[in-house]
Amino acid sequence: MLTDRLDRYIARNVLGAIIVVQVVLLGLDLVISYINDLDDVEGNYGAFQVLLYLLMRMPWRFYQYAPVAVLIGALIGLGSMASSNELTVMRAAGRSLTRILWGVMKPIILVVAVVLLVAEYVSPRTEQLASAWRLEQMQGEGTVLVQSGGWQREGDSVYRFGAIRADDTVLDLTRYRFEGRELREAVVAERAVWRDGSWMLEEVGTTRFLDDRTEAEHLDRQPWETSLTPAQLNRLLLPINSQAPSELWAYARFLQNQGLQATHPLLYFWQKMLIPLTMASLVLVAASFVFGPLRTVAAGTRVFYGVIVGLAFKYLQDLLAPASTVFGFSPVWAVLMPTLLSAGLGLYLLRRSG
């Protein structure tokens, strides 16, 4: 029973520190982003609308800051117990370092579950809603663009999309159809409308490139036979880092079926799915700072080093992301390498501390 009480006490201290750090990080980010976004005030999009837009994006920012909050929160939670000699008393009473670490990991399991739920079900919807609402305020209702610009290959055709509206209407669509390396047909449509489960092109201009001549044709309406759905186009045109893990996996499979590289969606997919390992490795680093060579320094110094490690972790992942594309190694290693390095550093420092 005493063991369970100590576990709950450690978990309560660490979880409380993580929540405080997360709130502080989100608050600072909100203030800084609000000041920066005031330059975008336009039309009905005023200062109050800027604040509402940033508040709608809070779930995505919560996900982004979660690993850093776990690292600094674990540092502060364990550091406060070390400063009051509580950890010393626990170890003197026979509490092993491994058992203390297990008490720290328990609230991390809860944090991981919340972060994964936010990443899958909350932040993709709020990001799309925030983007659509912002442009609606700036451009007027009914003409809002969820996202603009994008290319996609499907079979022997290459598509360029100008934009997609909140009502699933694609604007400024161009299709280039090839036979081998030769361009055979170019189709330009002002818009494509999704109705009753199929697409209809409107104001369509078609140019066919024959062996000895070209032919031009204009139609008011023309069916568009494609496997692309509004959901897939939203995946294509919305920022890839804000999509849910299930959507990233589906998008990666779609690209692979088209014979295209799926490095970027797989990279973000593994970043989100491996976040339990990421947070566990950062907790090991935090614990090594408290029990290892930094145990005698001031709490502020430990937090400073924790921030440095967190930034180095993030920048290393950001550097390995394009490297996986250039050198052709699996995106999963671009995510795992910083995690394994962090875990190795933490275990090494903990082993040195005995």
Protein backbone atom coordinates (compact mmCIF):
# COMPACT_ATOMS: atom_id res chain seq x y z
CA MET A 1 0.00 0.00 0.00
CA LEU A 2 2.86 2.39 0.81
CA THR A 3 4.35 1.66 -2.60
CA ASP A 4 1.09 2.60 -4.31
CA ARG A 5 0.87 5.81 -2.28
CA LEU A 6 4.39 6.79 -3.26
CA ASP A 7 3.61 6.07 -6.91
CA ARG A 8 0.51 8.26 -6.74
CA TYR A 9 2.46 11.01 -4.98
CA ILE A 10 5.19 11.01 -7.64
CA ALA A 11 2.62 10.85 -10.44
CA ARG A 12 0.62 13.73 -8.94
CA ASN A 13 3.69 15.95 -8.66
CA VAL A 14 4.92 15.21 -12.17
CA LEU A 15 1.49 15.48 -13.82
CA GLY A 16 0.77 18.76 -12.03
CA ALA A 17 4.09 20.20 -13.24
CA ILE A 18 3.41 19.04 -16.82
CA ILE A 19 -0.03 20.71 -16.82
CA VAL A 20 1.42 23.99 -15.48
CA VAL A 21 4.22 23.98 -18.09
CA GLN A 22 1.77 23.21 -20.90
CA VAL A 23 -0.52 26.06 -19.84
CA VAL A 24 2.43 28.47 -19.66
CA LEU A 25 3.74 27.41 -23.09
CA LEU A 26 0.30 27.73 -24.68
CA GLY A 27 -0.24 31.11 -23.04
CA LEU A 28 3.09 32.47 -24.27
CA ASP A 29 2.48 31.10 -27.74
CA LEU A 30 -1.00 32.63 -27.81
CA VAL A 31 0.30 36.09 -26.89
CA ILE A 32 3.17 35.99 -29.39
CA SER A 33 0.98 34.60 -32.20
CA TYR A 34 -1.73 37.16 -31.48
CA ILE A 35 0.72 40.05 -31.81
CA ASN A 36 2.14 38.61 -35.06
CA ASP A 37 -1.28 37.88 -36.58
CA LEU A 38 -2.59 41.38 -35.99
CA ASP A 39 -0.82 42.28 -39.24
CA ASP A 40 -3.35 40.05 -41.08
CA VAL A 41 -6.39 42.10 -40.01
CA GLU A 42 -8.55 42.51 -43.11
CA GLY A 43 -12.26 42.99 -43.88
CA ASN A 44 -14.38 41.35 -41.18
CA TYR A 45 -11.26 39.75 -39.74
CA GLY A 46 -10.50 42.09 -36.84
CA ALA A 47 -8.57 41.84 -33.59
CA PHE A 48 -11.28 39.80 -31.85
CA GLN A 49 -11.50 37.39 -34.80
CA VAL A 50 -7.72 36.92 -34.64
CA LEU A 51 -8.08 35.82 -31.02
CA LEU A 52 -10.91 33.41 -31.87
CA TYR A 53 -8.88 31.94 -34.74
CA LEU A 54 -5.90 31.30 -32.45
CA LEU A 55 -8.14 29.76 -29.79
CA MET A 56 -9.58 27.37 -32.40
CA ARG A 57 -6.03 26.26 -33.19
CA MET A 58 -5.23 25.46 -29.55
CA PRO A 59 -5.66 21.65 -29.92
CA TRP A 60 -2.98 21.54 -32.62
CA ARG A 61 -0.63 23.68 -30.52
CA PHE A 62 -1.36 21.47 -27.52
CA TYR A 63 -0.14 18.50 -29.54
CA GLN A 64 2.96 20.37 -30.77
CA TYR A 65 4.08 21.45 -27.30
CA ALA A 66 3.27 18.18 -25.48
CA PRO A 67 6.77 16.60 -25.72
CA VAL A 68 8.48 19.77 -24.48
CA ALA A 69 5.93 20.10 -21.68
CA VAL A 70 6.60 16.49 -20.64
CA LEU A 71 10.37 17.05 -20.56
CA ILE A 72 10.25 20.32 -18.59
CA GLY A 73 7.35 19.16 -16.41
CA ALA A 74 9.19 15.98 -15.42
CA LEU A 75 12.28 18.08 -14.66
CA ILE A 76 10.33 20.47 -12.46
CA GLY A 77 8.26 17.76 -10.75
CA LEU A 78 11.23 15.55 -9.93
CA GLY A 79 13.44 18.57 -9.23
CA SER A 80 11.04 19.94 -6.63
CA MET A 81 11.01 16.60 -4.81
CA ALA A 82 14.80 16.43 -5.01
CA SER A 83 15.15 19.97 -3.60
CA SER A 84 13.00 19.03 -0.59
CA ASN A 85 15.01 15.79 -0.14
CA GLU A 86 11.91 13.66 -0.74
CA LEU A 87 13.67 11.57 -3.38
CA THR A 88 16.61 11.07 -1.01
CA VAL A 89 14.25 9.79 1.69
CA MET A 90 12.54 7.46 -0.79
CA ARG A 91 15.85 5.94 -1.87
CA ALA A 92 17.07 5.67 1.72
CA ALA A 93 13.87 3.76 2.53
CA GLY A 94 14.76 1.19 -0.15
CA ARG A 95 12.91 2.70 -3.10
CA SER A 96 14.89 1.81 -6.23
CA LEU A 97 15.57 4.24 -9.03
CA THR A 98 13.69 1.97 -11.42
CA ARG A 99 10.61 2.05 -9.19
CA ILE A 100 10.74 5.86 -8.97
CA LEU A 101 10.96 6.06 -12.76
CA TRP A 102 7.92 3.79 -13.06
CA GLY A 103 6.02 6.21 -10.83
CA VAL A 104 7.01 9.02 -13.22
CA MET A 105 5.96 7.02 -16.29
CA LYS A 106 2.42 6.38 -15.01
CA PRO A 107 1.11 9.94 -15.64
CA ILE A 108 2.98 9.95 -18.97
CA ILE A 109 0.71 7.10 -20.12
CA LEU A 110 -2.29 9.36 -19.47
CA VAL A 111 -0.63 12.27 -21.29
CA VAL A 112 0.16 10.04 -24.29
CA ALA A 113 -3.44 8.82 -24.49
CA VAL A 114 -4.78 12.39 -24.43
CA VAL A 115 -2.26 13.57 -27.05
CA LEU A 116 -3.07 10.69 -29.42
CA LEU A 117 -6.81 11.33 -29.09
CA VAL A 118 -6.28 15.03 -29.81
CA ALA A 119 -4.07 14.22 -32.82
CA GLU A 120 -6.60 11.77 -34.29
CA TYR A 121 -10.00 13.28 -33.55
CA VAL A 122 -9.68 16.92 -32.46
CA SER A 123 -6.83 18.90 -34.00
CA PRO A 124 -7.46 17.92 -37.69
CA ARG A 125 -11.07 19.11 -37.42
CA THR A 126 -10.28 22.30 -35.53
CA GLU A 127 -7.45 23.15 -37.95
CA GLN A 128 -9.75 22.79 -40.94
CA LEU A 129 -12.50 24.72 -39.19
CA ALA A 130 -10.10 27.49 -38.14
CA SER A 131 -8.63 27.83 -41.63
CA ALA A 132 -12.06 27.94 -43.29
CA TRP A 133 -13.49 30.36 -40.72
CA ARG A 134 -10.50 32.72 -41.03
CA LEU A 135 -10.70 32.93 -44.80
CA GLU A 136 -14.46 33.28 -44.63
CA GLN A 137 -14.04 36.34 -42.42
CA MET A 138 -11.36 37.78 -44.71
CA GLN A 139 -13.01 37.03 -48.07
CA GLY A 140 -16.70 36.84 -47.35
CA GLU A 141 -19.04 33.93 -46.76
CA GLY A 142 -19.51 31.54 -49.68
CA THR A 143 -16.14 32.19 -51.29
CA VAL A 144 -14.01 30.74 -48.55
CA LEU A 145 -11.04 28.61 -49.60
CA VAL A 146 -10.04 25.83 -47.25
CA GLN A 147 -6.60 25.66 -48.88
CA SER A 148 -5.08 26.60 -52.21
CA GLY A 149 -2.60 25.11 -54.64
CA GLY A 150 -1.67 21.49 -55.20
CA TRP A 151 -0.60 18.87 -57.74
CA GLN A 152 -1.60 15.21 -57.93
CA ARG A 153 -0.92 12.30 -60.28
CA GLU A 154 -3.53 9.64 -61.03
CA GLY A 155 -2.81 6.95 -63.58
CA ASP A 156 -1.75 8.59 -66.84
CA SER A 157 -3.02 12.02 -65.72
CA VAL A 158 -1.46 14.87 -63.74
CA TYR A 159 -3.79 17.36 -62.04
CA ARG A 160 -3.24 20.90 -60.85
CA PHE A 161 -5.79 22.27 -58.37
CA GLY A 162 -6.16 25.98 -57.79
CA ALA A 163 -8.14 25.72 -54.56
CA ILE A 164 -10.91 23.83 -52.77
CA ARG A 165 -13.75 25.62 -51.03
CA ALA A 166 -15.44 24.72 -47.79
CA ASP A 167 -18.43 23.38 -49.78
CA ASP A 168 -16.17 20.83 -51.59
CA THR A 169 -16.02 22.84 -54.82
CA VAL A 170 -12.65 22.69 -56.60
CA LEU A 171 -11.65 25.88 -58.39
CA ASP A 172 -9.30 26.24 -61.38
CA LEU A 173 -8.70 22.58 -62.20
CA THR A 174 -6.27 21.51 -64.93
CA ARG A 175 -5.73 17.96 -66.12
CA TYR A 176 -2.81 16.83 -68.30
CA ARG A 177 -3.18 13.35 -69.84
CA PHE A 178 -0.08 11.59 -71.15
CA GLU A 179 0.65 8.56 -73.29
CA GLY A 180 4.12 7.56 -72.21
CA ARG A 181 6.08 10.82 -72.29
CA GLU A 182 3.81 12.54 -74.83
CA LEU A 183 1.12 15.00 -73.81
CA ARG A 184 -2.15 14.00 -75.48
CA GLU A 185 -4.82 16.11 -73.79
CA ALA A 186 -5.14 19.20 -71.59
CA VAL A 187 -8.41 19.95 -69.83
CA VAL A 188 -9.07 23.24 -68.04
CA ALA A 189 -12.22 23.72 -65.93
CA GLU A 190 -13.31 26.73 -63.95
CA ARG A 191 -14.66 24.51 -61.21
CA ALA A 192 -15.51 20.94 -60.25
CA VAL A 193 -18.64 20.40 -58.13
CA TRP A 194 -19.20 17.35 -55.91
CA ARG A 195 -22.82 16.18 -56.13
CA ASP A 196 -24.45 12.88 -55.25
CA GLY A 197 -21.12 11.09 -54.91
CA SER A 198 -19.57 12.19 -58.22
CA TRP A 199 -17.79 15.16 -59.77
CA MET A 200 -19.12 17.48 -62.45
CA LEU A 201 -16.81 19.85 -64.29
CA GLU A 202 -18.19 23.25 -65.31
CA GLU A 203 -16.97 25.60 -68.07
CA VAL A 204 -14.61 23.04 -69.51
CA GLY A 205 -12.05 23.71 -72.22
CA THR A 206 -10.32 20.68 -73.80
CA THR A 207 -7.30 20.69 -76.11
CA ARG A 208 -6.29 17.40 -77.78
CA PHE A 209 -2.80 17.01 -79.22
CA LEU A 210 -2.92 14.71 -82.26
CA ASP A 211 0.01 13.64 -84.41
CA ASP A 212 -0.53 16.32 -87.07
CA ARG A 213 -2.87 18.84 -85.46
CA THR A 214 -4.66 20.01 -82.31
CA GLU A 215 -8.37 20.05 -81.57
CA ALA A 216 -10.14 22.39 -79.16
CA GLU A 217 -13.55 21.88 -77.55
CA HIS A 218 -15.63 23.80 -75.01
CA LEU A 219 -18.44 22.31 -72.91
CA ASP A 220 -20.62 23.88 -70.23
CA ARG A 221 -20.63 20.69 -68.17
CA GLN A 222 -18.74 17.40 -68.26
CA PRO A 223 -18.50 14.45 -65.83
CA TRP A 224 -15.12 13.95 -64.20
CA GLU A 225 -14.23 10.29 -63.78
CA THR A 226 -11.72 10.02 -60.95
CA SER A 227 -11.10 8.10 -57.75
CA LEU A 228 -10.31 11.34 -55.93
CA THR A 229 -12.85 12.32 -53.28
CA PRO A 230 -13.30 15.62 -51.41
CA ALA A 231 -11.69 13.98 -48.35
CA GLN A 232 -8.62 13.01 -50.38
CA LEU A 233 -8.37 16.49 -51.87
CA ASN A 234 -8.57 18.00 -48.42
CA ARG A 235 -5.69 15.72 -47.37
CA LEU A 236 -3.75 16.91 -50.40
CA LEU A 237 -4.38 20.62 -49.94
CA LEU A 238 -4.46 20.97 -46.14
CA PRO A 239 -1.14 21.23 -44.24
CA ILE A 240 0.13 17.68 -43.87
CA ASN A 241 1.37 18.11 -40.30
CA SER A 242 -2.16 18.86 -39.06
CA GLN A 243 -3.75 15.67 -40.42
CA ALA A 244 -4.82 12.72 -38.28
CA PRO A 245 -2.63 9.59 -38.18
CA SER A 246 -5.32 7.52 -39.93
CA GLU A 247 -5.60 10.15 -42.69
CA LEU A 248 -1.81 10.28 -43.09
CA TRP A 249 -1.67 6.49 -43.45
CA ALA A 250 -4.51 6.50 -46.00
CA TYR A 251 -2.84 9.30 -47.94
CA ALA A 252 0.50 7.46 -47.93
CA ARG A 253 -1.16 4.31 -49.25
CA PHE A 254 -2.89 6.33 -51.95
CA LEU A 255 0.42 7.87 -53.08
CA GLN A 256 2.14 4.48 -53.09
CA ASN A 257 -0.67 3.00 -55.20
CA GLN A 258 -0.07 5.83 -57.67
CA GLY A 259 3.63 4.98 -57.84
CA LEU A 260 4.64 8.14 -55.95
CA GLN A 261 6.84 8.72 -52.92
CA ALA A 262 4.99 8.87 -49.61
CA THR A 263 7.89 10.06 -47.44
CA HIS A 264 6.22 13.14 -45.98
CA PRO A 265 2.90 11.58 -44.89
CA LEU A 266 4.74 8.56 -43.49
CA LEU A 267 7.13 10.84 -41.60
CA TYR A 268 4.33 12.69 -39.84
CA PHE A 269 2.45 9.43 -39.33
CA TRP A 270 5.38 7.88 -37.47
CA GLN A 271 5.97 11.07 -35.51
CA LYS A 272 2.47 10.79 -34.11
CA MET A 273 2.36 7.03 -33.64
CA LEU A 274 5.76 6.87 -31.93
CA ILE A 275 5.04 9.70 -29.54
CA PRO A 276 4.84 7.25 -26.57
CA LEU A 277 8.50 6.32 -27.18
CA THR A 278 9.40 9.96 -27.71
CA MET A 279 7.91 11.03 -24.39
CA ALA A 280 9.41 8.05 -22.54
CA SER A 281 12.88 8.93 -23.85
CA LEU A 282 12.46 12.57 -22.80
CA VAL A 283 11.39 11.46 -19.31
CA LEU A 284 14.59 9.41 -19.06
CA VAL A 285 16.57 12.53 -19.97
CA ALA A 286 14.70 14.55 -17.34
CA ALA A 287 15.31 11.89 -14.70
CA SER A 288 19.00 11.72 -15.60
CA PHE A 289 19.30 15.47 -15.01
CA VAL A 290 17.78 15.12 -11.55
CA PHE A 291 19.59 11.93 -10.44
CA GLY A 292 22.71 12.33 -12.57
CA PRO A 293 25.50 14.90 -12.90
CA LEU A 294 23.13 17.88 -12.65
CA ARG A 295 21.55 16.85 -9.35
CA THR A 296 23.60 19.42 -7.38
CA VAL A 297 22.87 22.44 -9.60
CA ALA A 298 20.01 24.90 -9.19
CA ALA A 299 16.55 23.96 -10.49
CA GLY A 300 16.62 26.83 -13.00
CA THR A 301 19.83 25.49 -14.51
CA ARG A 302 18.32 22.03 -14.93
CA VAL A 303 15.28 23.53 -16.66
CA PHE A 304 17.56 25.53 -18.94
CA TYR A 305 19.45 22.39 -19.97
CA GLY A 306 16.12 20.64 -20.42
CA VAL A 307 14.96 23.33 -22.85
CA ILE A 308 18.25 22.99 -24.76
CA VAL A 309 17.80 19.22 -25.03
CA GLY A 310 14.18 19.67 -26.15
CA LEU A 311 15.20 22.13 -28.88
CA ALA A 312 18.06 19.87 -29.99
CA PHE A 313 15.63 16.94 -30.18
CA LYS A 314 13.19 18.93 -32.33
CA TYR A 315 15.87 20.33 -34.64
CA LEU A 316 17.39 16.88 -35.13
CA GLN A 317 14.01 15.49 -36.19
CA ASP A 318 13.54 18.47 -38.52
CA LEU A 319 16.96 17.82 -40.11
CA LEU A 320 16.41 14.09 -40.51
CA ALA A 321 13.02 14.60 -42.18
CA PRO A 322 14.42 15.96 -45.49
CA ALA A 323 17.45 13.66 -45.13
CA SER A 324 15.16 10.62 -45.33
CA THR A 325 13.97 11.89 -48.72
CA VAL A 326 17.45 12.72 -50.04
CA PHE A 327 19.24 9.57 -48.85
CA GLY A 328 16.27 7.22 -49.23
CA PHE A 329 16.10 5.68 -45.74
CA SER A 330 12.79 4.90 -44.08
CA PRO A 331 10.93 7.85 -42.48
CA VAL A 332 10.48 5.75 -39.34
CA TRP A 333 14.24 6.06 -38.70
CA ALA A 334 14.04 9.83 -39.02
CA VAL A 335 11.70 9.69 -36.03
CA LEU A 336 13.38 6.89 -34.10
CA MET A 337 16.98 8.12 -34.27
CA PRO A 338 16.48 11.23 -32.07
CA THR A 339 14.31 9.15 -29.73
CA LEU A 340 16.93 6.42 -29.38
CA LEU A 341 19.69 8.99 -28.88
CA SER A 342 17.67 10.69 -26.12
CA ALA A 343 16.92 7.36 -24.45
CA GLY A 344 20.57 6.32 -24.72
CA LEU A 345 21.75 9.62 -23.20
CA GLY A 346 19.26 9.30 -20.35
CA LEU A 347 20.18 5.69 -19.57
CA TYR A 348 23.89 6.44 -19.73
CA LEU A 349 23.62 9.35 -17.27
CA LEU A 350 21.37 7.33 -14.96
CA ARG A 351 23.81 4.40 -15.00
CA ARG A 352 26.68 6.75 -14.15
CA SER A 353 24.71 8.03 -11.16
CA GLY A 354 24.35 4.47 -9.88
